[in-house]
C-alpha atoms as a PDB file:
ATOM      1  CA  UNK A   1       0.000   0.000   0.000  1.00  0.00           C
ATOM      2  CA  UNK A   2       2.739   2.484   0.930  1.00  0.00           C
ATOM      3  CA  UNK A   3       4.560   1.607  -2.259  1.00  0.00           C
ATOM      4  CA  UNK A   4       1.674   2.856  -4.394  1.00  0.00           C
ATOM      5  CA  UNK A   5       1.250   5.953  -2.202  1.00  0.00           C
ATOM      6  CA  UNK A   6       4.957   6.670  -2.510  1.00  0.00           C
ATOM      7  CA  UNK A   7       4.755   6.248  -6.274  1.00  0.00           C
ATOM      8  CA  UNK A   8       1.829   8.688  -6.418  1.00  0.00           C
ATOM      9  CA  UNK A   9       3.656  11.217  -4.254  1.00  0.00           C
ATOM     10  CA  UNK A  10       6.704  10.926  -6.464  1.00  0.00           C
ATOM     11  CA  UNK A  11       4.573  11.423  -9.565  1.00  0.00           C
ATOM     12  CA  UNK A  12       2.905  14.479  -8.022  1.00  0.00           C
ATOM     13  CA  UNK A  13       6.293  15.975  -7.165  1.00  0.00           C
ATOM     14  CA  UNK A  14       7.484  15.289 -10.716  1.00  0.00           C
ATOM     15  CA  UNK A  15       4.354  16.966 -12.112  1.00  0.00           C
ATOM     16  CA  UNK A  16       4.863  20.019  -9.895  1.00  0.00           C
ATOM     17  CA  UNK A  17       8.474  20.357 -10.990  1.00  0.00           C
ATOM     18  CA  UNK A  18       7.509  19.955 -14.651  1.00  0.00           C
ATOM     19  CA  UNK A  19       4.778  22.611 -14.282  1.00  0.00           C
ATOM     20  CA  UNK A  20       7.323  25.060 -12.855  1.00  0.00           C
ATOM     21  CA  UNK A  21       9.712  24.332 -15.732  1.00  0.00           C
ATOM     22  CA  UNK A  22       6.922  24.932 -18.247  1.00  0.00           C
ATOM     23  CA  UNK A  23       5.899  28.176 -16.543  1.00  0.00           C
ATOM     24  CA  UNK A  24       9.492  29.414 -16.749  1.00  0.00           C
ATOM     25  CA  UNK A  25       9.767  28.342 -20.382  1.00  0.00           C
ATOM     26  CA  UNK A  26       6.476  30.034 -21.273  1.00  0.00           C
ATOM     27  CA  UNK A  27       7.662  33.179 -19.519  1.00  0.00           C
ATOM     28  CA  UNK A  28      10.640  33.245 -21.875  1.00  0.00           C
ATOM     29  CA  UNK A  29       8.536  32.540 -24.981  1.00  0.00           C
ATOM     30  CA  UNK A  30       7.660  35.818 -26.700  1.00  0.00           C
ATOM     31  CA  UNK A  31       4.808  35.968 -29.197  1.00  0.00           C
ATOM     32  CA  UNK A  32       4.656  38.988 -31.479  1.00  0.00           C
ATOM     33  CA  UNK A  33       1.229  40.077 -32.686  1.00  0.00           C
ATOM     34  CA  UNK A  34       0.463  42.911 -35.103  1.00  0.00           C
ATOM     35  CA  UNK A  35      -2.687  44.802 -35.985  1.00  0.00           C
ATOM     36  CA  UNK A  36      -3.728  47.835 -38.019  1.00  0.00           C
ATOM     37  CA  UNK A  37      -1.399  46.853 -40.847  1.00  0.00           C
ATOM     38  CA  UNK A  38       1.599  46.582 -38.510  1.00  0.00           C
ATOM     39  CA  UNK A  39       1.019  49.987 -36.896  1.00  0.00           C
ATOM     40  CA  UNK A  40       0.330  48.255 -33.566  1.00  0.00           C
ATOM     41  CA  UNK A  41       2.786  45.635 -32.348  1.00  0.00           C
ATOM     42  CA  UNK A  42       2.254  43.718 -29.120  1.00  0.00           C
ATOM     43  CA  UNK A  43       4.674  41.272 -27.551  1.00  0.00           C
ATOM     44  CA  UNK A  44       3.186  38.859 -25.050  1.00  0.00           C
ATOM     45  CA  UNK A  45       4.759  35.849 -23.380  1.00  0.00           C
ATOM     46  CA  UNK A  46       3.383  32.335 -23.103  1.00  0.00           C
ATOM     47  CA  UNK A  47       2.113  33.114 -19.606  1.00  0.00           C
ATOM     48  CA  UNK A  48      -0.134  35.781 -21.149  1.00  0.00           C
ATOM     49  CA  UNK A  49       1.817  38.748 -19.769  1.00  0.00           C
ATOM     50  CA  UNK A  50       2.067  41.700 -22.158  1.00  0.00           C
ATOM     51  CA  UNK A  51       5.731  42.634 -22.433  1.00  0.00           C
ATOM     52  CA  UNK A  52       5.587  45.549 -24.874  1.00  0.00           C
ATOM     53  CA  UNK A  53       3.174  47.641 -26.890  1.00  0.00           C
ATOM     54  CA  UNK A  54       4.334  49.808 -29.782  1.00  0.00           C
ATOM     55  CA  UNK A  55       2.213  52.286 -31.720  1.00  0.00           C
ATOM     56  CA  UNK A  56       3.203  53.883 -35.007  1.00  0.00           C
ATOM     57  CA  UNK A  57       3.461  57.658 -34.811  1.00  0.00           C
ATOM     58  CA  UNK A  58       0.699  57.955 -37.399  1.00  0.00           C
ATOM     59  CA  UNK A  59      -1.802  56.395 -34.974  1.00  0.00           C
ATOM     60  CA  UNK A  60      -1.028  58.742 -32.123  1.00  0.00           C
ATOM     61  CA  UNK A  61      -2.652  61.731 -33.819  1.00  0.00           C
ATOM     62  CA  UNK A  62      -5.698  60.023 -35.295  1.00  0.00           C
ATOM     63  CA  UNK A  63      -9.175  59.203 -34.130  1.00  0.00           C
ATOM     64  CA  UNK A  64      -9.230  58.060 -30.485  1.00  0.00           C
ATOM     65  CA  UNK A  65     -12.102  55.596 -30.947  1.00  0.00           C
ATOM     66  CA  UNK A  66     -10.411  53.991 -33.957  1.00  0.00           C
ATOM     67  CA  UNK A  67      -7.171  53.632 -31.996  1.00  0.00           C
ATOM     68  CA  UNK A  68      -9.039  52.043 -29.087  1.00  0.00           C
ATOM     69  CA  UNK A  69     -10.683  49.546 -31.450  1.00  0.00           C
ATOM     70  CA  UNK A  70      -7.336  48.676 -33.051  1.00  0.00           C
ATOM     71  CA  UNK A  71      -5.779  48.185 -29.593  1.00  0.00           C
ATOM     72  CA  UNK A  72      -8.597  45.880 -28.485  1.00  0.00           C
ATOM     73  CA  UNK A  73      -8.233  43.835 -31.647  1.00  0.00           C
ATOM     74  CA  UNK A  74      -4.468  43.575 -31.245  1.00  0.00           C
ATOM     75  CA  UNK A  75      -4.631  42.687 -27.554  1.00  0.00           C
ATOM     76  CA  UNK A  76      -7.260  40.002 -28.060  1.00  0.00           C
ATOM     77  CA  UNK A  77      -5.298  38.525 -30.959  1.00  0.00           C
ATOM     78  CA  UNK A  78      -2.113  38.425 -28.874  1.00  0.00           C
ATOM     79  CA  UNK A  79      -3.891  36.768 -25.945  1.00  0.00           C
ATOM     80  CA  UNK A  80      -5.420  34.110 -28.223  1.00  0.00           C
ATOM     81  CA  UNK A  81      -1.999  33.325 -29.678  1.00  0.00           C
ATOM     82  CA  UNK A  82      -0.476  33.098 -26.194  1.00  0.00           C
ATOM     83  CA  UNK A  83      -3.331  30.807 -25.112  1.00  0.00           C
ATOM     84  CA  UNK A  84      -2.548  28.437 -27.996  1.00  0.00           C
ATOM     85  CA  UNK A  85       1.137  28.273 -27.053  1.00  0.00           C
ATOM     86  CA  UNK A  86       0.308  27.794 -23.367  1.00  0.00           C
ATOM     87  CA  UNK A  87      -2.258  25.056 -24.043  1.00  0.00           C
ATOM     88  CA  UNK A  88       0.072  23.175 -26.391  1.00  0.00           C
ATOM     89  CA  UNK A  89       2.879  23.159 -23.815  1.00  0.00           C
ATOM     90  CA  UNK A  90       0.593  22.010 -21.006  1.00  0.00           C
ATOM     91  CA  UNK A  91      -0.861  19.190 -23.128  1.00  0.00           C
ATOM     92  CA  UNK A  92       2.615  18.081 -24.116  1.00  0.00           C
ATOM     93  CA  UNK A  93       3.701  17.980 -20.493  1.00  0.00           C
ATOM     94  CA  UNK A  94       0.567  16.209 -19.300  1.00  0.00           C
ATOM     95  CA  UNK A  95       0.803  13.514 -21.958  1.00  0.00           C
ATOM     96  CA  UNK A  96       4.325  12.721 -20.811  1.00  0.00           C
ATOM     97  CA  UNK A  97       3.324  12.413 -17.164  1.00  0.00           C
ATOM     98  CA  UNK A  98      -0.201  11.063 -17.269  1.00  0.00           C
ATOM     99  CA  UNK A  99      -0.949   8.230 -19.679  1.00  0.00           C
ATOM    100  CA  UNK A 100      -4.086   8.597 -21.735  1.00  0.00           C
ATOM    101  CA  UNK A 101      -4.054  12.406 -21.897  1.00  0.00           C
ATOM    102  CA  UNK A 102      -3.694  13.909 -25.336  1.00  0.00           C
END
């Protein structure tokens, strides 16, 4: 009985360590997303933290509402891309640790 419990505890510890490694890796993975024809560039990491936001000078003197809409589009696009990277890494890790997960 203790053998199986020990195996489970070891597996849980291995999973925790792997999750921390993935979190660190995702933190170092930068995804670049552009909108408004490249006038808005957002860099976000795999942990969904926005690292930089650049606006072309031409956008800074235009219509405020249009700029807000372009920013929302760019931010949502960047977050979706980061979600895909994050999900793929987590699935890859889980399939290696827990049989039957794909």
